[in-house]
Amino acid sequence: MNQKVILILADGFRPDALTTCGHPYGQRLLKLGSYSLETETVYPSVTLPCHMSLFHSVSPDRHGILTNTYVPQVRPVNGLCEQLAAAGKTCAFHVRHDPR
């Protein structure tokens, strides 16, 4: 059986937002999925550095992304997608940036 993982990253609200909002979709995600309210972010606590750290398992001082502007890594680190590809698996992601 091929196991699949869907990781949803929601940015810009408090950790307890889904547990307190009462929205049916959020409540269903909490009931059927796994989540943690005990995680901590990296510094700087900006979207792209945080996501790079999450997917590459290193801190911003190692991957070099300190703002929301991507620049190629000076000392590249294999991330989750590279590790999965090496194991013959696939990885995909979708980003929606809507500044409204």
C-alpha atoms as a PDB file:
ATOM      1  CA  MET A   1       0.000   0.000   0.000  1.00  0.00           C
ATOM      2  CA  ASN A   2       1.302   3.452  -0.917  1.00  0.00           C
ATOM      3  CA  GLN A   3       0.954   5.738   2.042  1.00  0.00           C
ATOM      4  CA  LYS A   4       0.440   9.398   1.307  1.00  0.00           C
ATOM      5  CA  VAL A   5       0.948  12.460   3.458  1.00  0.00           C
ATOM      6  CA  ILE A   6      -0.700  15.828   3.001  1.00  0.00           C
ATOM      7  CA  LEU A   7       0.887  18.603   5.016  1.00  0.00           C
ATOM      8  CA  ILE A   8      -1.127  21.806   5.280  1.00  0.00           C
ATOM      9  CA  LEU A   9       0.774  24.875   6.423  1.00  0.00           C
ATOM     10  CA  ALA A  10      -1.383  27.820   7.374  1.00  0.00           C
ATOM     11  CA  ASP A  11       0.501  31.015   8.009  1.00  0.00           C
ATOM     12  CA  GLY A  12      -0.268  34.102  10.023  1.00  0.00           C
ATOM     13  CA  PHE A  13      -2.478  33.063  12.903  1.00  0.00           C
ATOM     14  CA  ARG A  14      -2.162  31.835  16.469  1.00  0.00           C
ATOM     15  CA  PRO A  15      -1.480  28.133  17.086  1.00  0.00           C
ATOM     16  CA  ASP A  16      -4.885  27.633  18.700  1.00  0.00           C
ATOM     17  CA  ALA A  17      -6.844  29.304  15.875  1.00  0.00           C
ATOM     18  CA  LEU A  18      -8.249  26.052  14.449  1.00  0.00           C
ATOM     19  CA  THR A  19      -9.240  24.689  17.849  1.00  0.00           C
ATOM     20  CA  THR A  20     -11.095  27.863  18.824  1.00  0.00           C
ATOM     21  CA  CYS A  21     -12.602  29.063  15.521  1.00  0.00           C
ATOM     22  CA  GLY A  22     -15.437  26.524  15.391  1.00  0.00           C
ATOM     23  CA  HIS A  23     -15.350  26.334  11.577  1.00  0.00           C
ATOM     24  CA  PRO A  24     -16.614  22.894  10.446  1.00  0.00           C
ATOM     25  CA  TYR A  25     -13.732  22.324   7.996  1.00  0.00           C
ATOM     26  CA  GLY A  26     -11.127  23.215  10.615  1.00  0.00           C
ATOM     27  CA  GLN A  27     -12.821  20.986  13.177  1.00  0.00           C
ATOM     28  CA  ARG A  28     -12.882  18.081  10.696  1.00  0.00           C
ATOM     29  CA  LEU A  29      -9.163  18.514   9.977  1.00  0.00           C
ATOM     30  CA  LEU A  30      -8.429  18.383  13.695  1.00  0.00           C
ATOM     31  CA  LYS A  31     -10.598  15.302  14.189  1.00  0.00           C
ATOM     32  CA  LEU A  32      -9.228  13.277  11.261  1.00  0.00           C
ATOM     33  CA  GLY A  33      -5.627  14.468  11.124  1.00  0.00           C
ATOM     34  CA  SER A  34      -2.656  14.978  13.378  1.00  0.00           C
ATOM     35  CA  TYR A  35      -1.549  18.319  14.746  1.00  0.00           C
ATOM     36  CA  SER A  36       0.529  19.924  17.455  1.00  0.00           C
ATOM     37  CA  LEU A  37       0.044  23.079  19.464  1.00  0.00           C
ATOM     38  CA  GLU A  38       3.500  22.716  21.020  1.00  0.00           C
ATOM     39  CA  THR A  39       5.728  23.605  18.062  1.00  0.00           C
ATOM     40  CA  GLU A  40       8.112  26.540  17.975  1.00  0.00           C
ATOM     41  CA  THR A  41       9.210  28.591  15.017  1.00  0.00           C
ATOM     42  CA  VAL A  42      12.693  29.617  13.954  1.00  0.00           C
ATOM     43  CA  TYR A  43      14.110  33.129  13.916  1.00  0.00           C
ATOM     44  CA  PRO A  44      13.430  35.128  11.870  1.00  0.00           C
ATOM     45  CA  SER A  45       9.796  34.077  12.156  1.00  0.00           C
ATOM     46  CA  VAL A  46       9.066  34.913   8.522  1.00  0.00           C
ATOM     47  CA  THR A  47       7.255  32.551   6.140  1.00  0.00           C
ATOM     48  CA  LEU A  48      10.009  31.510   3.715  1.00  0.00           C
ATOM     49  CA  PRO A  49      12.792  31.002   6.288  1.00  0.00           C
ATOM     50  CA  CYS A  50      10.374  28.962   8.411  1.00  0.00           C
ATOM     51  CA  HIS A  51       9.282  26.784   5.493  1.00  0.00           C
ATOM     52  CA  MET A  52      12.878  26.254   4.347  1.00  0.00           C
ATOM     53  CA  SER A  53      13.798  25.159   7.878  1.00  0.00           C
ATOM     54  CA  LEU A  54      10.827  22.819   8.083  1.00  0.00           C
ATOM     55  CA  PHE A  55      11.542  21.126   4.743  1.00  0.00           C
ATOM     56  CA  HIS A  56      15.343  21.052   5.086  1.00  0.00           C
ATOM     57  CA  SER A  57      15.668  20.343   8.839  1.00  0.00           C
ATOM     58  CA  VAL A  58      18.223  23.086   9.369  1.00  0.00           C
ATOM     59  CA  SER A  59      18.085  26.584  10.812  1.00  0.00           C
ATOM     60  CA  PRO A  60      18.104  29.780   8.718  1.00  0.00           C
ATOM     61  CA  ASP A  61      21.763  30.386   9.530  1.00  0.00           C
ATOM     62  CA  ARG A  62      22.507  27.095   7.714  1.00  0.00           C
ATOM     63  CA  HIS A  63      20.172  27.350   4.680  1.00  0.00           C
ATOM     64  CA  GLY A  64      20.754  31.101   4.306  1.00  0.00           C
ATOM     65  CA  ILE A  65      17.169  32.223   3.656  1.00  0.00           C
ATOM     66  CA  LEU A  66      16.495  35.122   6.031  1.00  0.00           C
ATOM     67  CA  THR A  67      13.645  36.968   4.277  1.00  0.00           C
ATOM     68  CA  ASN A  68      10.685  36.132   2.037  1.00  0.00           C
ATOM     69  CA  THR A  69      12.936  36.522  -1.015  1.00  0.00           C
ATOM     70  CA  TYR A  70      14.355  33.234  -2.257  1.00  0.00           C
ATOM     71  CA  VAL A  71      18.026  33.101  -3.199  1.00  0.00           C
ATOM     72  CA  PRO A  72      19.857  29.901  -4.145  1.00  0.00           C
ATOM     73  CA  GLN A  73      21.563  28.283  -1.185  1.00  0.00           C
ATOM     74  CA  VAL A  74      25.301  28.915  -0.915  1.00  0.00           C
ATOM     75  CA  ARG A  75      25.775  25.571   0.841  1.00  0.00           C
ATOM     76  CA  PRO A  76      22.857  23.489  -0.509  1.00  0.00           C
ATOM     77  CA  VAL A  77      21.108  21.124   1.871  1.00  0.00           C
ATOM     78  CA  ASN A  78      19.028  18.217   0.596  1.00  0.00           C
ATOM     79  CA  GLY A  79      15.469  18.746   1.711  1.00  0.00           C
ATOM     80  CA  LEU A  80      12.416  16.553   2.057  1.00  0.00           C
ATOM     81  CA  CYS A  81      11.691  16.452  -1.690  1.00  0.00           C
ATOM     82  CA  GLU A  82      15.288  15.483  -2.512  1.00  0.00           C
ATOM     83  CA  GLN A  83      15.241  12.752   0.152  1.00  0.00           C
ATOM     84  CA  LEU A  84      11.976  11.367  -1.204  1.00  0.00           C
ATOM     85  CA  ALA A  85      13.272  11.442  -4.791  1.00  0.00           C
ATOM     86  CA  ALA A  86      16.379   9.509  -3.721  1.00  0.00           C
ATOM     87  CA  ALA A  87      14.041   6.853  -2.286  1.00  0.00           C
ATOM     88  CA  GLY A  88      12.056   6.658  -5.539  1.00  0.00           C
ATOM     89  CA  LYS A  89       9.106   8.616  -4.148  1.00  0.00           C
ATOM     90  CA  THR A  90       7.485  11.807  -5.368  1.00  0.00           C
ATOM     91  CA  CYS A  91       6.934  15.156  -3.722  1.00  0.00           C
ATOM     92  CA  ALA A  92       4.802  18.081  -4.812  1.00  0.00           C
ATOM     93  CA  PHE A  93       3.658  21.335  -3.314  1.00  0.00           C
ATOM     94  CA  HIS A  94       1.257  24.134  -4.055  1.00  0.00           C
ATOM     95  CA  VAL A  95       1.713  27.697  -2.914  1.00  0.00           C
ATOM     96  CA  ARG A  96      -0.916  30.386  -2.924  1.00  0.00           C
ATOM     97  CA  HIS A  97       0.281  33.830  -2.112  1.00  0.00           C
ATOM     98  CA  ASP A  98      -2.592  36.253  -1.935  1.00  0.00           C
ATOM     99  CA  PRO A  99      -1.532  39.527  -0.319  1.00  0.00           C
ATOM    100  CA  ARG A 100      -5.112  40.827  -0.152  1.00  0.00           C
END
